[in-house]
Amino acid sequence: MRVYLDNAATTAMDDRVVEAMIPYMKEHYGNPSSVHSHGRQVRSAIEKSRKKVAELLNASPAEIFFTSGGTEADNTAIVCGIETHGITHAITSPIEHHAVLHTLEECAKKGKVKLSLVEVNDKGEINLNHLQELLKSNPNSLVSLMHANNEIGNINDLNAIGNMVKEYQGFFHSDTVQTMGHYVHDLKNLPVDSIVAGGHKFHGPKGSGFLYVKKDRKIHPFIYGGAQERNMRGGTENVIGIVGISKALELAYEDMSGHQSHIEGLKKHFIELLKSDIPGVEFNGLSEDLDKSLYTVLNVSLPPSEENRGMLLFNLDLHGISASGGSACSSGATVGSHVLRALNHDYERESVRFSFSRFNTKEEIEYTVEKLKELYGVAV
């Protein structure tokens, strides 16, 4: 059996998304910046996609800008938010995605901002009292804290954080890559200044994303060279990706509660089997808590094992099971997970992030636990 449990890294494209994209690979190939009928037809598809995304998120089409993915969108919001609004201090956490953490570290290195890291505990929970102290000492800060952590699944309260940032006249950016398409985002009523999305996290195409920027918090472009995306991103638009991400988000919203119910059931079953079948199993962050973590992510800490030390992911792969040891964006790196390091994780224990989608089945979960039992020498 082949089992794919690395959906936090990327998801399989929905067939209906592929079908929506094909006409823009074959028949509708005009440049959307061209004034002739071929170009106008494609421009219309982009604007319909923008309108659909805005409608689903309760935003204005003028607040949605298509990008190459979440990383570019994060970079744009952070770098241009700092420069446009004359911000000299930024706050983030040590467990943010590198698209945020490395970008802010680079801004600090270049002297654009002073960077502060808000405290997190061994479960990865943000210390909101410390955040308030930092904001009180540094009003008009840019704050970038993710909606949910891509490795341990912890969900942050965007309302609580956003209202606090607003109280101290800050700019609040949130990386929502792991929650977009899996949770409802009501942007007219959410106290955020910018959020982001990557289409491949919710069954859309890779290389597609978007940035939302609140209309009264406008920022200047990150990429120059043309008037595309309402003068916010130079370069010919990725029409295929834009059509694909819009369709993927539409499908996600059509039956979001049904998808959540199915995936939550798989995660709960996985937790129950692991706890009953593998002595000493633990869970990193809040990923075991169904109310406080992504229903799509479970970060498992397994007991020390000489046979699996540094080899667990490889051994799982030999059994046809795809999972991750941390963020897939760090694949090939020689360093361990910065998230688990910040949580003071015991490196005698192997950690695996299993992440689920609506295409996974109960049988796949049971097969995976069976193979883990074999690898850890538990009598089958």
Protein backbone atom coordinates (compact mmCIF):
# COMPACT_ATOMS: atom_id res chain seq x y z
CA MET A 1 0.00 0.00 0.00
CA ARG A 2 1.16 3.56 -0.76
CA VAL A 3 0.04 6.13 1.80
CA TYR A 4 0.46 9.89 1.50
CA LEU A 5 0.41 11.62 4.89
CA ASP A 6 2.38 14.77 4.09
CA ASN A 7 -0.49 17.06 3.13
CA ALA A 8 0.88 20.00 5.15
CA ALA A 9 3.74 20.02 2.63
CA THR A 10 1.52 19.80 -0.43
CA THR A 11 -1.79 18.25 -1.42
CA ALA A 12 -2.95 16.27 -4.44
CA MET A 13 -4.71 18.46 -6.95
CA ASP A 14 -8.46 17.98 -7.17
CA ASP A 15 -9.50 16.69 -10.62
CA ARG A 16 -12.04 19.52 -10.87
CA VAL A 17 -9.25 22.06 -10.41
CA VAL A 18 -7.27 20.45 -13.22
CA GLU A 19 -10.36 20.55 -15.46
CA ALA A 20 -10.84 24.26 -14.76
CA MET A 21 -7.20 24.97 -15.67
CA ILE A 22 -6.94 22.97 -18.91
CA PRO A 23 -8.76 25.50 -21.16
CA TYR A 24 -6.21 28.14 -20.12
CA MET A 25 -3.38 25.84 -21.16
CA LYS A 26 -4.90 25.04 -24.55
CA GLU A 27 -7.51 27.44 -25.93
CA HIS A 28 -7.26 30.64 -23.88
CA TYR A 29 -3.58 31.55 -24.16
CA GLY A 30 -3.74 35.32 -24.68
CA ASN A 31 -1.67 37.72 -22.60
CA PRO A 32 -4.05 39.31 -20.07
CA SER A 33 -2.33 42.68 -20.56
CA SER A 34 -3.14 42.68 -24.28
CA VAL A 35 -6.10 44.79 -25.45
CA HIS A 36 -7.29 42.40 -28.18
CA SER A 37 -10.01 39.80 -27.69
CA HIS A 38 -7.60 36.97 -26.85
CA GLY A 39 -6.14 39.05 -24.05
CA ARG A 40 -9.48 40.41 -22.83
CA GLN A 41 -10.87 36.90 -22.49
CA VAL A 42 -8.01 35.87 -20.22
CA ARG A 43 -8.15 39.15 -18.25
CA SER A 44 -11.80 38.41 -17.57
CA ALA A 45 -10.88 34.99 -16.12
CA ILE A 46 -8.36 36.59 -13.75
CA GLU A 47 -10.85 39.17 -12.51
CA LYS A 48 -13.56 36.53 -12.06
CA SER A 49 -11.08 34.51 -10.00
CA ARG A 50 -10.19 37.55 -7.91
CA LYS A 51 -13.88 38.29 -7.33
CA LYS A 52 -14.53 34.68 -6.31
CA VAL A 53 -11.65 34.63 -3.79
CA ALA A 54 -12.78 37.96 -2.34
CA GLU A 55 -16.38 36.77 -2.09
CA LEU A 56 -15.39 33.58 -0.24
CA LEU A 57 -13.21 35.52 2.23
CA ASN A 58 -15.66 38.42 2.68
CA ALA A 59 -13.16 40.91 1.29
CA SER A 60 -13.08 43.39 -1.58
CA PRO A 61 -11.56 42.28 -4.92
CA ALA A 62 -9.26 45.32 -4.67
CA GLU A 63 -7.70 43.76 -1.55
CA ILE A 64 -6.66 40.48 -3.27
CA PHE A 65 -3.35 40.22 -5.16
CA PHE A 66 -2.24 36.99 -6.83
CA THR A 67 1.34 35.81 -6.21
CA SER A 68 3.57 32.81 -6.89
CA GLY A 69 2.69 31.32 -3.48
CA GLY A 70 2.71 31.91 0.26
CA THR A 71 6.43 32.70 0.52
CA GLU A 72 6.30 35.57 -1.96
CA ALA A 73 3.12 36.85 -0.31
CA ASP A 74 4.77 36.76 3.15
CA ASN A 75 7.84 38.58 1.83
CA THR A 76 5.68 41.24 0.18
CA ALA A 77 3.55 41.90 3.26
CA ILE A 78 6.54 42.06 5.60
CA VAL A 79 9.12 43.99 3.56
CA CYS A 80 6.65 46.41 1.98
CA GLY A 81 4.59 46.78 5.15
CA ILE A 82 7.73 47.88 7.01
CA GLU A 83 8.86 50.29 4.28
CA THR A 84 5.46 51.77 3.40
CA HIS A 85 4.39 52.50 6.96
CA GLY A 86 7.75 53.65 8.31
CA ILE A 87 7.97 50.80 10.81
CA THR A 88 11.19 50.43 12.81
CA HIS A 89 10.33 47.51 15.09
CA ALA A 90 8.99 44.03 14.30
CA ILE A 91 7.74 41.17 16.43
CA THR A 92 7.49 37.51 15.52
CA SER A 93 7.98 34.15 17.24
CA PRO A 94 10.86 31.65 17.11
CA ILE A 95 8.53 29.00 15.63
CA GLU A 96 7.29 30.88 12.56
CA HIS A 97 7.69 29.47 9.07
CA HIS A 98 11.03 30.50 7.57
CA ALA A 99 9.19 32.56 4.94
CA VAL A 100 8.45 34.91 7.83
CA LEU A 101 11.34 34.32 10.23
CA HIS A 102 14.15 34.54 7.68
CA THR A 103 12.57 37.55 5.98
CA LEU A 104 12.38 39.48 9.24
CA GLU A 105 15.89 38.40 10.23
CA GLU A 106 17.15 39.78 6.92
CA CYS A 107 15.27 43.06 7.48
CA ALA A 108 16.91 43.31 10.92
CA LYS A 109 20.35 42.45 9.49
CA LYS A 110 19.99 45.30 6.99
CA GLY A 111 19.04 47.70 9.78
CA LYS A 112 15.47 48.25 8.59
CA VAL A 113 13.96 47.13 11.90
CA LYS A 114 14.84 45.98 15.36
CA LEU A 115 13.45 42.46 15.76
CA SER A 116 11.93 41.01 18.93
CA LEU A 117 10.85 37.40 19.46
CA VAL A 118 7.79 36.79 21.60
CA GLU A 119 8.16 33.98 24.14
CA VAL A 120 6.67 30.54 23.54
CA ASN A 121 6.41 27.70 26.06
CA ASP A 122 7.36 24.04 25.59
CA LYS A 123 3.99 23.41 23.93
CA GLY A 124 4.54 26.21 21.44
CA GLU A 125 1.92 28.53 22.97
CA ILE A 126 2.57 32.24 22.53
CA ASN A 127 2.91 34.31 25.70
CA LEU A 128 0.32 37.04 25.04
CA ASN A 129 1.43 38.97 28.13
CA HIS A 130 4.93 39.18 26.69
CA LEU A 131 3.50 40.25 23.33
CA GLN A 132 1.65 43.08 25.04
CA GLU A 133 4.81 44.16 26.85
CA LEU A 134 6.69 44.28 23.53
CA LEU A 135 3.91 46.27 21.88
CA LYS A 136 3.64 48.68 24.79
CA SER A 137 7.39 49.38 24.58
CA ASN A 138 7.33 49.55 20.78
CA PRO A 139 4.08 51.00 19.38
CA ASN A 140 3.61 50.95 15.59
CA SER A 141 5.37 47.57 15.34
CA LEU A 142 4.87 45.08 12.54
CA VAL A 143 3.67 41.85 14.13
CA SER A 144 3.81 38.63 12.12
CA LEU A 145 2.34 35.58 13.86
CA MET A 146 0.95 32.65 11.95
CA HIS A 147 -2.64 31.46 12.23
CA ALA A 148 -1.50 27.86 12.70
CA ASN A 149 1.92 26.29 12.92
CA ASN A 150 2.86 24.10 9.96
CA GLU A 151 4.84 21.61 12.07
CA ILE A 152 3.02 21.23 15.38
CA GLY A 153 -0.43 22.45 14.33
CA ASN A 154 -0.97 24.98 17.14
CA ILE A 155 -3.74 27.47 16.30
CA ASN A 156 -3.36 31.10 17.40
CA ASP A 157 -6.28 33.39 18.24
CA LEU A 158 -6.13 35.99 15.47
CA ASN A 159 -8.85 38.08 17.06
CA ALA A 160 -7.02 38.37 20.39
CA ILE A 161 -3.66 39.10 18.75
CA GLY A 162 -5.10 41.44 16.13
CA ASN A 163 -7.03 43.54 18.63
CA MET A 164 -3.92 43.83 20.80
CA VAL A 165 -1.80 44.95 17.84
CA LYS A 166 -4.48 47.46 16.83
CA GLU A 167 -4.51 48.90 20.37
CA TYR A 168 -0.83 49.79 19.95
CA GLN A 169 -1.21 51.10 16.37
CA GLY A 170 0.71 48.19 14.85
CA PHE A 171 0.52 46.39 11.51
CA PHE A 172 -0.64 42.79 11.92
CA HIS A 173 0.36 40.23 9.32
CA SER A 174 -0.53 36.56 9.66
CA ASP A 175 0.74 33.61 7.64
CA THR A 176 -2.51 31.72 7.02
CA VAL A 177 -1.07 29.18 4.58
CA GLN A 178 -2.02 26.16 6.73
CA THR A 179 -5.56 27.34 7.52
CA MET A 180 -6.65 28.80 4.18
CA GLY A 181 -9.16 26.46 2.57
CA HIS A 182 -9.58 24.52 5.82
CA TYR A 183 -11.15 27.22 8.02
CA VAL A 184 -13.50 30.12 7.29
CA HIS A 185 -11.81 33.53 7.08
CA ASP A 186 -14.16 36.50 7.44
CA LEU A 187 -11.76 39.29 6.56
CA LYS A 188 -14.15 42.20 6.99
CA ASN A 189 -14.50 41.22 10.64
CA LEU A 190 -11.02 39.83 11.34
CA PRO A 191 -8.50 42.32 12.82
CA VAL A 192 -5.66 41.56 10.39
CA ASP A 193 -3.91 43.88 7.97
CA SER A 194 -2.60 41.15 5.68
CA ILE A 195 -2.83 37.39 5.24
CA VAL A 196 -1.55 34.93 2.63
CA ALA A 197 -2.37 31.68 0.84
CA GLY A 198 -0.62 28.97 -1.17
CA GLY A 199 -2.90 27.02 -3.52
CA HIS A 200 -1.08 23.71 -3.20
CA LYS A 201 -2.04 23.44 0.48
CA PHE A 202 -5.74 22.99 -0.38
CA HIS A 203 -5.73 20.85 -3.53
CA GLY A 204 -4.79 23.63 -5.94
CA PRO A 205 -1.69 24.06 -8.12
CA LYS A 206 1.84 24.74 -6.93
CA GLY A 207 3.19 28.16 -7.87
CA SER A 208 -0.12 29.85 -7.06
CA GLY A 209 -0.93 32.06 -4.11
CA PHE A 210 -2.44 35.33 -3.06
CA LEU A 211 -1.96 38.18 -0.64
CA TYR A 212 -4.76 40.05 1.09
CA VAL A 213 -4.00 43.61 2.20
CA LYS A 214 -6.69 45.62 3.96
CA LYS A 215 -7.71 48.58 1.80
CA ASP A 216 -6.88 51.21 4.43
CA ARG A 217 -3.39 49.67 5.04
CA LYS A 218 -2.07 49.68 1.47
CA ILE A 219 1.57 48.85 0.78
CA HIS A 220 3.87 49.46 -2.18
CA PRO A 221 4.88 46.65 -4.61
CA PHE A 222 7.57 44.07 -3.91
CA ILE A 223 8.15 43.17 -7.58
CA TYR A 224 8.42 45.97 -10.14
CA GLY A 225 8.37 45.87 -13.93
CA GLY A 226 4.76 46.26 -14.95
CA ALA A 227 1.30 47.44 -13.95
CA GLN A 228 -0.11 43.96 -13.40
CA GLU A 229 -2.15 43.09 -10.30
CA ARG A 230 -3.44 46.67 -10.03
CA ASN A 231 0.12 48.02 -10.01
CA MET A 232 1.04 45.70 -7.12
CA ARG A 233 3.07 42.98 -8.86
CA GLY A 234 4.99 43.37 -12.10
CA GLY A 235 5.10 40.41 -14.49
CA THR A 236 2.67 38.54 -16.68
CA GLU A 237 0.13 36.79 -14.47
CA ASN A 238 0.19 33.03 -13.94
CA VAL A 239 -3.29 32.67 -15.42
CA ILE A 240 -3.40 28.88 -15.04
CA GLY A 241 -2.43 29.11 -11.37
CA ILE A 242 -4.90 31.92 -10.69
CA VAL A 243 -7.80 30.00 -12.20
CA GLY A 244 -6.66 26.91 -10.29
CA ILE A 245 -6.34 28.51 -6.85
CA SER A 246 -9.71 30.21 -7.21
CA LYS A 247 -11.39 26.93 -8.13
CA ALA A 248 -9.62 25.07 -5.31
CA LEU A 249 -10.79 27.62 -2.74
CA GLU A 250 -14.32 27.48 -4.10
CA LEU A 251 -14.36 23.68 -3.74
CA ALA A 252 -12.89 23.92 -0.24
CA TYR A 253 -15.69 26.22 0.87
CA GLU A 254 -18.42 24.09 -0.75
CA ASP A 255 -18.14 21.37 1.90
CA MET A 256 -15.64 22.62 4.46
CA SER A 257 -17.53 21.18 7.43
CA GLY A 258 -17.79 17.79 5.72
CA HIS A 259 -14.07 17.74 4.97
CA GLN A 260 -13.27 18.75 8.54
CA SER A 261 -15.49 16.05 9.99
CA HIS A 262 -13.87 13.36 7.83
CA ILE A 263 -10.28 14.46 8.51
CA GLU A 264 -10.86 15.02 12.23
CA GLY A 265 -12.20 11.46 12.42
CA LEU A 266 -8.98 10.16 10.84
CA LYS A 267 -6.79 12.17 13.19
CA LYS A 268 -8.74 11.05 16.26
CA HIS A 269 -8.53 7.40 15.14
CA PHE A 270 -4.78 7.77 14.55
CA ILE A 271 -4.24 9.22 18.05
CA GLU A 272 -6.28 6.46 19.69
CA LEU A 273 -4.40 3.70 17.84
CA LEU A 274 -0.98 5.20 18.57
CA LYS A 275 -1.73 5.57 22.29
CA SER A 276 -3.06 2.04 22.60
CA ASP A 277 -0.49 0.30 20.37
CA ILE A 278 2.85 2.08 20.92
CA PRO A 279 3.98 2.44 24.56
CA GLY A 280 5.64 5.77 25.34
CA VAL A 281 4.24 7.67 22.36
CA GLU A 282 3.84 11.43 22.89
CA PHE A 283 2.71 14.39 20.78
CA ASN A 284 4.56 17.63 20.10
CA GLY A 285 2.99 21.02 20.66
CA LEU A 286 -0.79 20.99 20.99
CA SER A 287 -1.26 18.66 18.03
CA GLU A 288 -3.07 16.02 20.12
CA ASP A 289 -5.68 18.59 21.21
CA LEU A 290 -8.41 18.60 18.56
CA ASP A 291 -9.74 21.96 19.79
CA LYS A 292 -6.42 23.82 19.80
CA SER A 293 -4.63 22.43 16.76
CA LEU A 294 -5.09 21.93 13.04
CA TYR A 295 -7.32 18.98 12.29
CA THR A 296 -4.96 18.27 9.40
CA VAL A 297 -1.72 17.90 11.43
CA LEU A 298 -0.43 15.48 14.08
CA ASN A 299 3.19 15.73 15.24
CA VAL A 300 4.18 12.43 16.87
CA SER A 301 7.11 11.96 19.25
CA LEU A 302 8.15 8.32 19.35
CA PRO A 303 10.17 6.58 22.09
CA PRO A 304 13.96 6.24 21.69
CA SER A 305 14.94 3.48 19.25
CA GLU A 306 18.47 2.70 18.04
CA GLU A 307 17.09 1.00 14.92
CA ASN A 308 15.13 4.09 13.87
CA ARG A 309 17.49 6.86 15.01
CA GLY A 310 17.73 9.24 12.07
CA MET A 311 16.15 6.59 9.82
CA LEU A 312 12.46 6.62 10.69
CA LEU A 313 11.27 8.62 7.70
CA PHE A 314 13.38 6.43 5.42
CA ASN A 315 11.99 3.27 7.02
CA LEU A 316 8.42 4.55 6.64
CA ASP A 317 9.13 5.36 3.01
CA LEU A 318 10.29 1.77 2.44
CA HIS A 319 6.79 0.75 3.53
CA GLY A 320 5.20 3.20 1.10
CA ILE A 321 4.33 5.82 3.74
CA SER A 322 5.16 9.46 3.02
CA ALA A 323 5.44 11.77 6.04
CA SER A 324 7.69 14.58 7.22
CA GLY A 325 10.17 15.23 10.02
CA GLY A 326 9.34 18.92 10.06
CA SER A 327 8.72 21.51 7.39
CA ALA A 328 9.09 20.16 3.86
CA CYS A 329 10.50 23.55 2.88
CA SER A 330 13.63 22.51 4.82
CA SER A 331 14.08 19.20 3.01
CA GLY A 332 17.75 18.48 2.41
CA ALA A 333 18.86 20.71 5.26
CA THR A 334 21.32 19.26 7.74
CA VAL A 335 19.86 21.08 10.73
CA GLY A 336 16.90 19.82 12.73
CA SER A 337 13.54 21.50 13.04
CA HIS A 338 13.81 25.03 14.45
CA VAL A 339 10.27 24.62 15.80
CA LEU A 340 11.07 21.51 17.84
CA ARG A 341 14.33 23.09 18.97
CA ALA A 342 12.40 26.08 20.34
CA LEU A 343 10.17 23.63 22.23
CA ASN A 344 13.23 21.98 23.84
CA HIS A 345 12.39 18.70 22.18
CA ASP A 346 14.22 15.57 23.35
CA TYR A 347 16.32 14.54 20.35
CA GLU A 348 16.60 10.99 21.63
CA ARG A 349 13.02 10.69 20.40
CA GLU A 350 12.17 10.67 16.69
CA SER A 351 9.44 13.09 15.64
CA VAL A 352 7.23 12.70 12.60
CA ARG A 353 4.62 15.09 11.26
CA PHE A 354 1.69 13.20 9.78
CA SER A 355 -0.73 15.46 7.92
CA PHE A 356 -4.07 14.49 6.43
CA SER A 357 -6.45 15.47 3.64
CA ARG A 358 -9.95 14.63 2.53
CA PHE A 359 -8.46 11.99 0.20
CA ASN A 360 -7.04 9.89 3.07
CA THR A 361 -8.85 6.83 4.42
CA LYS A 362 -9.23 4.96 7.69
CA GLU A 363 -7.47 1.96 6.14
CA GLU A 364 -4.39 4.09 5.42
CA ILE A 365 -4.27 5.22 9.04
CA GLU A 366 -4.48 1.65 10.32
CA TYR A 367 -1.78 0.49 7.88
CA THR A 368 0.54 3.29 9.05
CA VAL A 369 0.12 2.40 12.73
CA GLU A 370 0.70 -1.26 11.91
CA LYS A 371 4.02 -0.42 10.25
CA LEU A 372 5.05 1.82 13.15
CA LYS A 373 4.38 -1.09 15.52
CA GLU A 374 6.65 -3.29 13.41
CA LEU A 375 9.40 -0.68 13.33
CA TYR A 376 9.28 -0.24 17.09
CA GLY A 377 9.28 -3.96 17.83
CA VAL A 378 5.78 -4.05 19.28
CA ALA A 379 4.21 -7.47 19.00
CA VAL A 380 1.67 -7.45 16.19
